[in-house]
Amino acid sequence: MNYTLMNKERPILTFSTFKTEYGTTKAKNVKILEPDGLPAAYDGSIIRFIERRKAPKHRKYIRGILKQLGAEDIDGFIKVSRGASLNDTFWVRNDEEPLVWKQVSLYHNDFDENIARIAFEGGSGSLSTTTPELSVDGNYAKCWIRENEQLFLLKRGSETHGQEVFAEYYASQLAEAFCTDSVKYDLVSHHGHLANKCGIFTSEEVGFSQMTYHVENPQSVSVQEALAVMEKCGHGEHFRRMMVLDALILNIDRHLGNFGLLVNNDTLKPIGMAPVFDHNRSMLFHMDDDRFMRQNMDCLIDIYPRLMGEFNINANDMLTDEIRSDLKNLSGFAFIPHEKYNWPKVRLEKYQKFMDTQIDRILKREKLFISSFE
């Protein structure tokens, strides 16, 4: 098969695919047409670039969808999805198909409702190919929907805990109050399942580039290195506030894939830091109400950020005079209950009290948990 990597209507790179004797898809005859047009995620391997655009197979329900659509290998994935994503405007054109961007763009074409439903709740049904579900990152069951010409992401909690949707909803309130820019989450019932709902923050003009593609070594990156990237594009303040927020909500899943840069989709130049999003693995989401109410909040152990360091030390390192002042003003912050779906009032009140303690610890540079080995 002969393909062209496109950015909207601009050819960026051409390549062909072939199968090895072991059934693995490889690329050959790779020709870069526009070096300055290559995406940040391109590391010299077009096959790896396309593979990274596929939804992870371990995400709930996605393996079955990929198999049913015949999209498990590279050629099948391109045939079904054209490699399109809602993160940017790159796509892969089969040179035998006279397609144009307008026919491929997920921002404007209708979605396959069956795929969206299966991606969200499982099951089966007849499937077509216009869907963003094949390129949505993350582990939780989720789907995109279109309402009144606007795109919204719906994301469920896990069957193990089920508390993630509440954590996302309440944590986003704190993000809205403290961070420079953040995604607002709601709680809704969709097909009988409780889910978070948020609007899209990308468009055909503005894309999202994960931080993992902007650091030297994604396997070992320091908070200071990530801060330097954001300061270079003038958004260090935004990153600093996100790190303080994560300490307040105990976000154990801030990684290089769920924060990053907004970029101009045509020039690929950074615009700034993307809105803060993805807090569902926070606020002790892994504890049911009974366990949470029994928990001594002064004896939390094994609660660490995925990025290097320790919550409160990382947060203290991010403080400026203005952030310090705003952090002090958060004392006494009260979450606003949802009109239908909520954590028990006593749980919210207990966490609010814990946040006040966290504010003091961050300001005093006191760790959340001091190991007996220190």
Protein backbone atom coordinates (compact mmCIF):
# COMPACT_ATOMS: atom_id res chain seq x y z
CA MET A 1 0.00 0.00 0.00
CA ASN A 2 1.17 3.54 -0.78
CA TYR A 3 0.24 6.32 1.62
CA THR A 4 0.73 10.03 2.27
CA LEU A 5 0.80 11.61 5.71
CA MET A 6 -1.30 14.75 5.37
CA ASN A 7 -1.92 17.84 7.48
CA LYS A 8 -5.32 18.89 6.23
CA GLU A 9 -4.59 19.29 2.48
CA ARG A 10 -0.78 19.48 2.79
CA PRO A 11 1.30 16.38 1.94
CA ILE A 12 3.98 15.96 4.62
CA LEU A 13 5.48 12.51 4.04
CA THR A 14 4.98 9.56 1.68
CA PHE A 15 5.58 5.89 2.47
CA SER A 16 4.64 2.34 1.59
CA THR A 17 3.91 -0.63 3.84
CA PHE A 18 4.76 -4.30 3.59
CA LYS A 19 4.39 -7.37 5.79
CA THR A 20 7.43 -9.23 7.08
CA GLU A 21 7.57 -13.02 7.20
CA TYR A 22 6.39 -12.74 10.80
CA GLY A 23 3.31 -10.74 9.86
CA THR A 24 4.64 -7.44 11.20
CA THR A 25 3.88 -4.27 9.22
CA LYS A 26 6.93 -2.25 8.21
CA ALA A 27 7.41 0.94 6.19
CA LYS A 28 9.59 1.46 3.13
CA ASN A 29 10.22 4.20 0.57
CA VAL A 30 9.72 6.85 3.24
CA LYS A 31 10.13 10.32 1.75
CA ILE A 32 9.78 13.49 3.80
CA LEU A 33 8.22 16.21 1.65
CA GLU A 34 8.00 18.95 4.25
CA PRO A 35 10.47 18.57 7.17
CA ASP A 36 9.09 21.59 9.03
CA GLY A 37 5.62 20.09 8.78
CA LEU A 38 6.41 16.91 10.72
CA PRO A 39 4.46 16.58 13.98
CA ALA A 40 6.27 16.63 17.33
CA ALA A 41 5.15 13.02 17.84
CA TYR A 42 7.11 11.86 14.78
CA ASP A 43 10.41 10.34 15.93
CA GLY A 44 11.68 9.01 12.61
CA SER A 45 9.33 6.02 12.40
CA ILE A 46 6.06 6.55 10.53
CA ILE A 47 4.79 3.15 11.72
CA ARG A 48 5.41 4.07 15.35
CA PHE A 49 3.75 7.45 14.81
CA ILE A 50 0.58 5.78 13.49
CA GLU A 51 0.60 3.10 16.21
CA ARG A 52 0.66 5.83 18.85
CA ARG A 53 -2.49 7.32 17.34
CA LYS A 54 -4.43 4.14 18.04
CA ALA A 55 -6.49 3.90 21.21
CA PRO A 56 -4.73 1.59 23.71
CA LYS A 57 -5.96 -1.99 23.40
CA HIS A 58 -6.18 -2.31 27.18
CA ARG A 59 -8.78 0.46 27.27
CA LYS A 60 -12.14 -1.03 28.13
CA TYR A 61 -14.05 -2.33 25.08
CA ILE A 62 -11.58 -0.98 22.51
CA ARG A 63 -9.92 -4.30 21.63
CA GLY A 64 -13.23 -5.76 20.46
CA ILE A 65 -13.99 -2.68 18.35
CA LEU A 66 -10.59 -2.79 16.64
CA LYS A 67 -11.03 -6.49 15.92
CA GLN A 68 -14.58 -6.14 14.57
CA LEU A 69 -13.52 -3.30 12.27
CA GLY A 70 -10.42 -5.11 11.08
CA ALA A 71 -8.30 -2.27 12.44
CA GLU A 72 -5.82 -4.20 14.56
CA ASP A 73 -2.89 -3.83 12.15
CA ILE A 74 -1.57 -0.63 10.56
CA ASP A 75 -3.19 -1.05 7.14
CA GLY A 76 -6.54 -1.91 8.69
CA PHE A 77 -6.34 1.01 11.09
CA ILE A 78 -5.59 3.43 8.25
CA LYS A 79 -8.40 1.99 6.13
CA VAL A 80 -10.94 2.38 8.92
CA SER A 81 -9.85 5.64 10.57
CA ARG A 82 -7.45 7.33 8.11
CA GLY A 83 -5.37 7.87 11.24
CA ALA A 84 -7.45 10.96 12.06
CA SER A 85 -7.65 12.29 15.60
CA LEU A 86 -9.32 15.08 17.55
CA ASN A 87 -5.91 16.13 18.88
CA ASP A 88 -4.67 17.55 15.58
CA THR A 89 -5.32 17.70 11.83
CA PHE A 90 -2.95 14.99 10.61
CA TRP A 91 -4.32 12.01 8.71
CA VAL A 92 -3.11 9.28 6.37
CA ARG A 93 -4.33 9.16 2.77
CA ASN A 94 -4.31 5.96 0.76
CA ASP A 95 -2.93 7.14 -2.57
CA GLU A 96 -5.55 5.04 -4.39
CA GLU A 97 -8.40 6.93 -2.70
CA PRO A 98 -9.18 10.50 -3.87
CA LEU A 99 -10.12 11.72 -0.39
CA VAL A 100 -9.83 15.31 0.83
CA TRP A 101 -9.62 16.70 4.38
CA LYS A 102 -13.25 17.78 4.40
CA GLN A 103 -14.31 14.14 3.98
CA VAL A 104 -12.01 12.92 6.76
CA SER A 105 -12.17 15.61 9.46
CA LEU A 106 -13.64 14.33 12.72
CA TYR A 107 -14.50 17.90 13.65
CA HIS A 108 -17.27 18.09 11.06
CA ASN A 109 -18.35 14.60 9.97
CA ASP A 110 -21.01 12.65 11.84
CA PHE A 111 -19.86 9.85 14.15
CA ASP A 112 -20.90 6.21 14.15
CA GLU A 113 -23.28 6.10 17.13
CA ASN A 114 -22.92 2.33 17.49
CA ILE A 115 -19.15 2.59 17.92
CA ALA A 116 -19.60 5.41 20.44
CA ARG A 117 -22.08 3.31 22.41
CA ILE A 118 -19.89 0.20 22.39
CA ALA A 119 -16.81 2.24 23.37
CA PHE A 120 -18.79 3.62 26.30
CA GLU A 121 -20.68 0.58 27.58
CA GLY A 122 -19.62 -2.49 25.63
CA GLY A 123 -21.88 -4.77 23.61
CA SER A 124 -22.05 -5.29 19.88
CA GLY A 125 -23.67 -3.95 16.72
CA SER A 126 -23.03 -3.12 13.09
CA LEU A 127 -20.21 -0.62 12.71
CA SER A 128 -19.18 1.90 10.07
CA THR A 129 -15.92 3.85 10.11
CA THR A 130 -16.47 7.51 10.96
CA THR A 131 -15.46 7.63 14.60
CA PRO A 132 -12.91 9.30 16.88
CA GLU A 133 -13.02 6.37 19.32
CA LEU A 134 -10.13 4.53 17.65
CA SER A 135 -7.71 7.33 18.52
CA VAL A 136 -8.88 8.34 22.01
CA ASP A 137 -6.14 7.91 24.61
CA GLY A 138 -6.56 6.66 28.19
CA ASN A 139 -7.80 3.56 29.98
CA TYR A 140 -11.39 4.39 30.95
CA ALA A 141 -14.47 3.65 28.86
CA LYS A 142 -15.32 6.83 27.00
CA CYS A 143 -16.86 8.21 23.83
CA TRP A 144 -17.37 11.45 21.92
CA ILE A 145 -20.83 12.83 21.24
CA ARG A 146 -22.04 15.79 19.21
CA GLU A 147 -24.70 18.09 20.65
CA ASN A 148 -25.85 21.25 18.88
CA GLU A 149 -22.77 21.16 16.63
CA GLN A 150 -20.45 20.98 19.66
CA LEU A 151 -18.25 18.03 20.65
CA PHE A 152 -18.26 16.58 24.16
CA LEU A 153 -16.30 13.75 25.74
CA LEU A 154 -18.08 11.33 28.07
CA LYS A 155 -15.92 9.24 30.43
CA ARG A 156 -17.01 6.60 32.91
CA GLY A 157 -15.39 5.51 36.15
CA SER A 158 -13.95 2.05 36.75
CA GLU A 159 -15.94 -0.98 37.81
CA THR A 160 -13.40 -1.48 40.60
CA HIS A 161 -13.82 1.88 42.34
CA GLY A 162 -16.53 3.87 40.59
CA GLN A 163 -15.55 7.02 42.49
CA GLU A 164 -13.51 8.55 39.66
CA VAL A 165 -16.43 10.48 38.18
CA PHE A 166 -17.02 12.30 41.47
CA ALA A 167 -13.32 13.09 41.89
CA GLU A 168 -13.23 14.54 38.37
CA TYR A 169 -16.28 16.69 38.99
CA TYR A 170 -15.19 18.17 42.32
CA ALA A 171 -11.50 18.53 41.45
CA SER A 172 -12.43 20.52 38.35
CA GLN A 173 -14.18 23.05 40.61
CA LEU A 174 -10.92 23.66 42.44
CA ALA A 175 -9.05 23.84 39.13
CA GLU A 176 -11.47 26.47 37.88
CA ALA A 177 -10.92 28.54 41.03
CA PHE A 178 -7.14 28.27 41.13
CA CYS A 179 -5.68 27.48 37.70
CA THR A 180 -5.09 29.82 34.79
CA ASP A 181 -7.25 27.76 32.44
CA SER A 182 -9.01 24.45 33.01
CA VAL A 183 -11.57 22.09 31.54
CA LYS A 184 -14.97 22.16 33.22
CA TYR A 185 -16.53 18.78 33.98
CA ASP A 186 -20.14 17.92 34.64
CA LEU A 187 -21.83 14.73 35.87
CA VAL A 188 -24.42 13.13 33.60
CA SER A 189 -26.21 9.83 33.11
CA HIS A 190 -25.60 8.35 29.65
CA HIS A 191 -27.20 5.03 28.65
CA GLY A 192 -27.81 4.39 32.34
CA HIS A 193 -24.17 4.95 33.36
CA LEU A 194 -22.82 7.86 35.40
CA ALA A 195 -20.14 9.75 33.51
CA ASN A 196 -18.18 12.97 33.35
CA LYS A 197 -18.93 15.29 30.47
CA CYS A 198 -16.62 17.98 29.15
CA GLY A 199 -16.31 20.07 26.02
CA ILE A 200 -13.48 19.71 23.54
CA PHE A 201 -10.63 22.24 23.73
CA THR A 202 -9.09 21.54 20.32
CA SER A 203 -10.31 22.54 16.87
CA GLU A 204 -9.23 22.51 13.24
CA GLU A 205 -7.13 25.57 14.07
CA VAL A 206 -5.70 24.60 17.48
CA GLY A 207 -4.34 21.18 18.42
CA PHE A 208 -2.99 19.45 21.53
CA SER A 209 0.56 18.08 21.74
CA GLN A 210 1.36 15.89 24.74
CA MET A 211 4.27 16.88 26.96
CA THR A 212 5.91 13.52 26.28
CA TYR A 213 6.94 14.84 22.85
CA HIS A 214 8.61 17.97 24.22
CA VAL A 215 11.06 16.58 26.80
CA GLU A 216 14.43 14.97 26.22
CA ASN A 217 13.74 11.69 28.02
CA PRO A 218 10.07 10.88 28.70
CA GLN A 219 11.08 7.95 30.93
CA SER A 220 12.89 10.21 33.38
CA VAL A 221 11.68 13.79 33.37
CA SER A 222 11.86 16.20 36.29
CA VAL A 223 9.21 18.72 37.25
CA GLN A 224 11.75 21.48 36.64
CA GLU A 225 12.35 20.26 33.07
CA ALA A 226 8.61 20.31 32.34
CA LEU A 227 8.40 23.79 33.88
CA ALA A 228 11.22 24.98 31.61
CA VAL A 229 9.27 23.86 28.53
CA MET A 230 6.21 25.82 29.65
CA GLU A 231 8.22 28.90 30.60
CA LYS A 232 9.79 28.87 27.14
CA CYS A 233 6.36 29.43 25.60
CA GLY A 234 5.36 31.93 28.30
CA HIS A 235 3.07 29.69 30.32
CA GLY A 236 5.16 28.76 33.35
CA GLU A 237 2.52 30.23 35.66
CA HIS A 238 -0.08 27.83 34.24
CA PHE A 239 2.13 24.80 34.92
CA ARG A 240 3.05 25.98 38.41
CA ARG A 241 -0.61 26.24 39.38
CA MET A 242 -1.35 22.79 37.98
CA MET A 243 1.34 21.27 40.20
CA VAL A 244 -0.06 23.00 43.28
CA LEU A 245 -3.55 21.84 42.34
CA ASP A 246 -2.33 18.24 42.03
CA ALA A 247 -0.95 18.41 45.57
CA LEU A 248 -4.26 19.70 46.92
CA ILE A 249 -6.32 17.01 45.21
CA LEU A 250 -3.66 14.25 45.47
CA ASN A 251 -3.73 13.57 41.75
CA ILE A 252 -1.73 10.35 41.44
CA ASP A 253 -2.05 10.20 37.66
CA ARG A 254 -0.52 13.39 36.28
CA HIS A 255 1.71 12.08 33.53
CA LEU A 256 3.26 13.32 30.29
CA GLY A 257 0.17 12.39 28.30
CA ASN A 258 -2.44 14.43 30.15
CA PHE A 259 -0.86 17.86 30.00
CA GLY A 260 0.99 19.62 27.26
CA LEU A 261 0.92 22.37 24.66
CA LEU A 262 -1.70 23.94 22.47
CA VAL A 263 -0.28 24.36 18.97
CA ASN A 264 -1.27 26.09 15.77
CA ASN A 265 -2.33 23.19 13.55
CA ASP A 266 -1.01 24.87 10.40
CA THR A 267 2.39 26.10 11.63
CA LEU A 268 2.79 23.62 14.53
CA LYS A 269 4.09 26.51 16.64
CA PRO A 270 3.23 26.43 20.37
CA ILE A 271 0.46 28.76 21.47
CA GLY A 272 0.64 28.00 25.18
CA MET A 273 -0.18 25.35 27.73
CA ALA A 274 -3.36 23.35 27.27
CA PRO A 275 -6.15 23.78 29.83
CA VAL A 276 -5.67 21.63 32.93
CA PHE A 277 -7.71 18.45 32.60
CA ASP A 278 -7.99 14.82 33.76
CA HIS A 279 -8.29 14.68 37.55
CA ASN A 280 -10.35 11.49 37.91
CA ARG A 281 -7.65 9.59 39.78
CA SER A 282 -7.51 12.08 42.62
CA MET A 283 -9.16 12.94 45.95
CA LEU A 284 -8.60 9.36 47.22
CA PHE A 285 -10.91 8.00 44.52
CA HIS A 286 -9.84 4.44 45.37
CA MET A 287 -11.60 4.58 48.75
CA ASP A 288 -15.29 3.87 49.11
CA ASP A 289 -17.23 6.10 51.48
CA ASP A 290 -16.83 3.84 54.51
CA ARG A 291 -13.08 3.46 54.10
CA PHE A 292 -12.66 7.16 53.41
CA MET A 293 -14.51 8.14 56.57
CA ARG A 294 -12.35 5.76 58.63
CA GLN A 295 -9.13 7.04 57.09
CA ASN A 296 -6.83 9.09 59.32
CA MET A 297 -5.89 11.90 56.95
CA ASP A 298 -2.65 12.48 58.89
CA CYS A 299 -1.54 8.93 58.12
CA LEU A 300 -1.78 8.72 54.36
CA ILE A 301 0.92 6.45 52.95
CA ASP A 302 2.00 5.46 49.46
CA ILE A 303 0.34 8.51 47.91
CA TYR A 304 2.82 9.87 45.40
CA PRO A 305 2.66 11.73 42.08
CA ARG A 306 3.58 9.90 38.86
CA LEU A 307 5.96 12.70 37.98
CA MET A 308 9.16 12.71 39.99
CA GLY A 309 9.23 14.08 43.52
CA GLU A 310 6.72 14.44 46.34
CA PHE A 311 3.40 16.27 46.19
CA ASN A 312 4.01 19.03 48.69
CA ILE A 313 7.68 19.60 47.89
CA ASN A 314 6.85 19.83 44.18
CA ALA A 315 4.07 22.29 44.96
CA ASN A 316 6.26 24.42 47.24
CA ASP A 317 8.90 24.62 44.51
CA MET A 318 6.25 26.11 42.20
CA LEU A 319 5.22 28.95 44.52
CA THR A 320 5.58 32.56 43.45
CA ASP A 321 4.39 35.50 45.53
CA GLU A 322 1.14 35.62 43.58
CA ILE A 323 0.51 31.87 43.71
CA ARG A 324 1.36 31.83 47.42
CA SER A 325 -1.23 34.54 48.03
CA ASP A 326 -3.89 32.76 45.96
CA LEU A 327 -3.14 29.49 47.75
CA LYS A 328 -3.69 31.13 51.13
CA ASN A 329 -6.99 32.51 49.85
CA LEU A 330 -8.15 28.97 49.01
CA SER A 331 -8.40 28.20 52.71
CA GLY A 332 -12.01 27.40 53.49
CA PHE A 333 -12.81 26.43 49.90
CA ALA A 334 -16.16 24.63 49.67
CA PHE A 335 -17.19 22.31 46.86
CA ILE A 336 -20.53 22.94 45.19
CA PRO A 337 -22.74 19.83 45.25
CA HIS A 338 -24.21 18.53 42.02
CA GLU A 339 -27.97 18.84 41.66
CA LYS A 340 -28.36 15.05 41.26
CA TYR A 341 -25.16 13.07 41.83
CA ASN A 342 -22.88 13.56 44.81
CA TRP A 343 -20.45 12.19 47.32
CA PRO A 344 -21.93 12.25 50.83
CA LYS A 345 -21.76 15.66 52.45
CA VAL A 346 -19.56 14.33 55.28
CA ARG A 347 -17.02 13.04 52.75
CA LEU A 348 -16.79 16.41 51.03
CA GLU A 349 -16.48 18.25 54.34
CA LYS A 350 -13.71 15.92 55.49
CA TYR A 351 -11.78 16.45 52.27
CA GLN A 352 -12.25 20.22 52.49
CA LYS A 353 -10.73 20.14 55.97
CA PHE A 354 -7.84 18.05 54.64
CA MET A 355 -7.24 20.62 51.88
CA ASP A 356 -6.85 23.36 54.48
CA THR A 357 -4.19 21.23 56.14
CA GLN A 358 -2.54 20.64 52.77
CA ILE A 359 -2.40 24.37 52.12
CA ASP A 360 -0.48 24.87 55.36
CA ARG A 361 1.87 21.98 54.60
CA ILE A 362 2.65 23.25 51.12
CA LEU A 363 3.35 26.75 52.40
CA LYS A 364 5.63 25.36 55.13
CA ARG A 365 7.26 22.85 52.75
CA GLU A 366 6.12 19.88 54.83
CA LYS A 367 5.77 16.51 53.12
CA LEU A 368 2.42 14.77 52.92
CA PHE A 369 3.93 11.62 54.36
CA ILE A 370 7.30 11.17 56.04
CA SER A 371 8.63 7.64 55.75
CA SER A 372 10.22 5.97 58.76
CA PHE A 373 13.28 5.48 56.55
CA GLU A 374 13.86 9.23 56.13
